[in-house]
Amino acid sequence: MKCDSFQEYLDGYLDGSLSELENEAMRAHMDSCGACKKIYEEQKQLLEALNDLVVSGKVRAIGASAMYG
């Protein structure tokens, strides 16, 4: 797998929608490419942080604050 393909498949890898074969290719690429592994780790952290905001209800509070100052 090349880096371009990795980035195309990254969303699917993160949301669990790839096949097992595609997941294996993604893992193998991350094992051999530090740059793509870093991109994956950053995206994963971002998604986890966004999920935490949604679950805690802070998204509504942030939105209201932004709208009404």
N, C-alpha and C. Protein backbone atom coordinates (compact mmCIF):
# COMPACT_ATOMS: atom_id res chain seq x y z
N MET A 1 0.85 -1.18 0.00
CA MET A 1 0.00 0.00 0.00
C MET A 1 0.89 1.23 0.00
N LYS A 2 0.48 2.23 -0.76
CA LYS A 2 1.19 3.50 -0.80
C LYS A 2 0.48 4.51 0.09
N CYS A 3 1.18 5.57 0.42
CA CYS A 3 0.64 6.58 1.33
C CYS A 3 -0.67 7.20 0.82
N ASP A 4 -0.77 7.42 -0.48
CA ASP A 4 -2.01 7.98 -1.04
C ASP A 4 -3.19 7.07 -0.77
N SER A 5 -3.00 5.78 -0.98
CA SER A 5 -4.07 4.81 -0.72
C SER A 5 -4.40 4.75 0.77
N PHE A 6 -3.36 4.80 1.59
CA PHE A 6 -3.57 4.79 3.03
C PHE A 6 -4.50 5.92 3.44
N GLN A 7 -4.23 7.11 2.94
CA GLN A 7 -5.04 8.27 3.31
C GLN A 7 -6.47 8.15 2.79
N GLU A 8 -6.64 7.52 1.62
CA GLU A 8 -7.98 7.31 1.08
C GLU A 8 -8.79 6.36 1.96
N TYR A 9 -8.13 5.38 2.53
CA TYR A 9 -8.81 4.35 3.32
C TYR A 9 -8.88 4.69 4.81
N LEU A 10 -8.24 5.76 5.23
CA LEU A 10 -8.12 6.05 6.66
C LEU A 10 -9.47 6.22 7.34
N ASP A 11 -10.40 6.95 6.74
CA ASP A 11 -11.71 7.12 7.37
C ASP A 11 -12.40 5.77 7.59
N GLY A 12 -12.33 4.92 6.60
CA GLY A 12 -12.93 3.60 6.73
C GLY A 12 -12.26 2.76 7.80
N TYR A 13 -10.95 2.91 7.92
CA TYR A 13 -10.22 2.18 8.96
C TYR A 13 -10.67 2.66 10.34
N LEU A 14 -10.79 3.97 10.47
CA LEU A 14 -11.18 4.54 11.76
C LEU A 14 -12.62 4.20 12.14
N ASP A 15 -13.50 4.12 11.15
CA ASP A 15 -14.90 3.83 11.50
C ASP A 15 -15.25 2.34 11.43
N GLY A 16 -14.26 1.53 11.10
CA GLY A 16 -14.47 0.08 11.12
C GLY A 16 -15.21 -0.48 9.92
N SER A 17 -15.25 0.26 8.82
CA SER A 17 -16.02 -0.20 7.67
C SER A 17 -15.19 -0.93 6.62
N LEU A 18 -13.90 -1.10 6.86
CA LEU A 18 -13.06 -1.81 5.89
C LEU A 18 -13.15 -3.32 6.10
N SER A 19 -12.81 -4.05 5.06
CA SER A 19 -12.74 -5.50 5.17
C SER A 19 -11.51 -5.88 5.99
N GLU A 20 -11.45 -7.12 6.42
CA GLU A 20 -10.29 -7.57 7.20
C GLU A 20 -9.01 -7.47 6.37
N LEU A 21 -9.10 -7.77 5.09
CA LEU A 21 -7.93 -7.67 4.21
C LEU A 21 -7.45 -6.22 4.11
N GLU A 22 -8.37 -5.29 3.98
CA GLU A 22 -8.01 -3.87 3.94
C GLU A 22 -7.42 -3.42 5.27
N ASN A 23 -8.01 -3.88 6.38
CA ASN A 23 -7.46 -3.55 7.70
C ASN A 23 -6.03 -4.06 7.85
N GLU A 24 -5.77 -5.27 7.37
CA GLU A 24 -4.42 -5.82 7.44
C GLU A 24 -3.44 -4.99 6.63
N ALA A 25 -3.87 -4.54 5.46
CA ALA A 25 -3.01 -3.70 4.62
C ALA A 25 -2.72 -2.37 5.31
N MET A 26 -3.72 -1.81 5.97
CA MET A 26 -3.53 -0.55 6.69
C MET A 26 -2.53 -0.73 7.83
N ARG A 27 -2.70 -1.80 8.61
CA ARG A 27 -1.78 -2.06 9.72
C ARG A 27 -0.35 -2.29 9.22
N ALA A 28 -0.23 -3.05 8.14
CA ALA A 28 1.10 -3.33 7.58
C ALA A 28 1.75 -2.03 7.11
N HIS A 29 0.96 -1.17 6.50
CA HIS A 29 1.53 0.10 6.03
C HIS A 29 1.98 0.95 7.22
N MET A 30 1.17 1.01 8.27
CA MET A 30 1.57 1.80 9.44
C MET A 30 2.83 1.24 10.10
N ASP A 31 2.99 -0.07 10.03
CA ASP A 31 4.20 -0.68 10.60
C ASP A 31 5.45 -0.25 9.84
N SER A 32 5.29 0.08 8.57
CA SER A 32 6.45 0.43 7.76
C SER A 32 6.56 1.92 7.44
N CYS A 33 5.55 2.72 7.81
CA CYS A 33 5.56 4.14 7.46
C CYS A 33 5.21 4.98 8.68
N GLY A 34 6.21 5.57 9.27
CA GLY A 34 6.00 6.38 10.46
C GLY A 34 5.12 7.60 10.22
N ALA A 35 5.21 8.19 9.04
CA ALA A 35 4.42 9.39 8.73
C ALA A 35 2.93 9.06 8.72
N CYS A 36 2.56 7.95 8.09
CA CYS A 36 1.14 7.57 8.04
C CYS A 36 0.66 7.11 9.41
N LYS A 37 1.52 6.44 10.15
CA LYS A 37 1.14 6.04 11.51
C LYS A 37 0.84 7.27 12.36
N LYS A 38 1.64 8.31 12.19
CA LYS A 38 1.41 9.55 12.93
C LYS A 38 0.09 10.19 12.52
N ILE A 39 -0.22 10.20 11.23
CA ILE A 39 -1.49 10.75 10.76
C ILE A 39 -2.65 9.97 11.37
N TYR A 40 -2.53 8.65 11.36
CA TYR A 40 -3.57 7.80 11.97
C TYR A 40 -3.76 8.14 13.45
N GLU A 41 -2.67 8.23 14.18
CA GLU A 41 -2.77 8.50 15.61
C GLU A 41 -3.40 9.87 15.88
N GLU A 42 -3.05 10.86 15.08
CA GLU A 42 -3.63 12.19 15.24
C GLU A 42 -5.13 12.18 14.93
N GLN A 43 -5.52 11.50 13.86
CA GLN A 43 -6.93 11.43 13.49
C GLN A 43 -7.73 10.67 14.56
N LYS A 44 -7.15 9.61 15.06
CA LYS A 44 -7.82 8.83 16.10
C LYS A 44 -8.03 9.67 17.35
N GLN A 45 -7.01 10.43 17.75
CA GLN A 45 -7.13 11.29 18.93
C GLN A 45 -8.20 12.37 18.71
N LEU A 46 -8.23 12.93 17.52
CA LEU A 46 -9.23 13.95 17.21
C LEU A 46 -10.64 13.38 17.29
N LEU A 47 -10.85 12.22 16.71
CA LEU A 47 -12.17 11.60 16.76
C LEU A 47 -12.58 11.26 18.20
N GLU A 48 -11.64 10.78 18.98
CA GLU A 48 -11.93 10.47 20.38
C GLU A 48 -12.30 11.73 21.15
N ALA A 49 -11.58 12.82 20.91
CA ALA A 49 -11.88 14.09 21.59
C ALA A 49 -13.25 14.61 21.18
N LEU A 50 -13.56 14.54 19.89
CA LEU A 50 -14.88 14.99 19.43
C LEU A 50 -15.98 14.13 20.02
N ASN A 51 -15.75 12.84 20.08
CA ASN A 51 -16.75 11.94 20.67
C ASN A 51 -16.96 12.27 22.15
N ASP A 52 -15.88 12.55 22.86
CA ASP A 52 -16.00 12.92 24.27
C ASP A 52 -16.82 14.19 24.44
N LEU A 53 -16.64 15.16 23.54
CA LEU A 53 -17.42 16.40 23.60
C LEU A 53 -18.90 16.14 23.37
N VAL A 54 -19.19 15.32 22.39
CA VAL A 54 -20.59 15.01 22.08
C VAL A 54 -21.23 14.27 23.24
N VAL A 55 -20.54 13.28 23.76
CA VAL A 55 -21.09 12.48 24.86
C VAL A 55 -21.31 13.33 26.10
N SER A 56 -20.42 14.26 26.37
CA SER A 56 -20.54 15.07 27.58
C SER A 56 -21.50 16.24 27.40
N GLY A 57 -21.97 16.48 26.19
CA GLY A 57 -22.88 17.58 25.95
C GLY A 57 -22.21 18.92 25.77
N LYS A 58 -20.89 18.93 25.72
CA LYS A 58 -20.17 20.19 25.62
C LYS A 58 -20.33 20.82 24.24
N VAL A 59 -20.65 20.04 23.24
CA VAL A 59 -20.82 20.59 21.90
C VAL A 59 -21.97 21.60 21.91
N ARG A 60 -23.06 21.26 22.57
CA ARG A 60 -24.19 22.20 22.64
C ARG A 60 -23.79 23.47 23.36
N ALA A 61 -23.04 23.32 24.44
CA ALA A 61 -22.63 24.49 25.21
C ALA A 61 -21.67 25.36 24.40
N ILE A 62 -20.76 24.75 23.71
CA ILE A 62 -19.83 25.51 22.88
C ILE A 62 -20.58 26.21 21.77
N GLY A 63 -21.51 25.51 21.13
CA GLY A 63 -22.30 26.11 20.05
C GLY A 63 -23.12 27.30 20.53
N ALA A 64 -23.76 27.17 21.66
CA ALA A 64 -24.56 28.25 22.20
C ALA A 64 -23.69 29.45 22.57
N SER A 65 -22.54 29.19 23.16
CA SER A 65 -21.62 30.24 23.52
C SER A 65 -21.14 31.00 22.29
N ALA A 66 -20.85 30.26 21.22
CA ALA A 66 -20.38 30.90 20.00
C ALA A 66 -21.48 31.74 19.35
N MET A 67 -22.71 31.26 19.44
CA MET A 67 -23.82 31.95 18.80
C MET A 67 -24.24 33.20 19.60
N TYR A 68 -24.20 33.12 20.90
CA TYR A 68 -24.75 34.19 21.75
C TYR A 68 -23.69 34.96 22.51
N GLY A 69 -22.43 34.58 22.28
CA GLY A 69 -21.30 35.29 22.85
C GLY A 69 -21.30 35.29 24.32
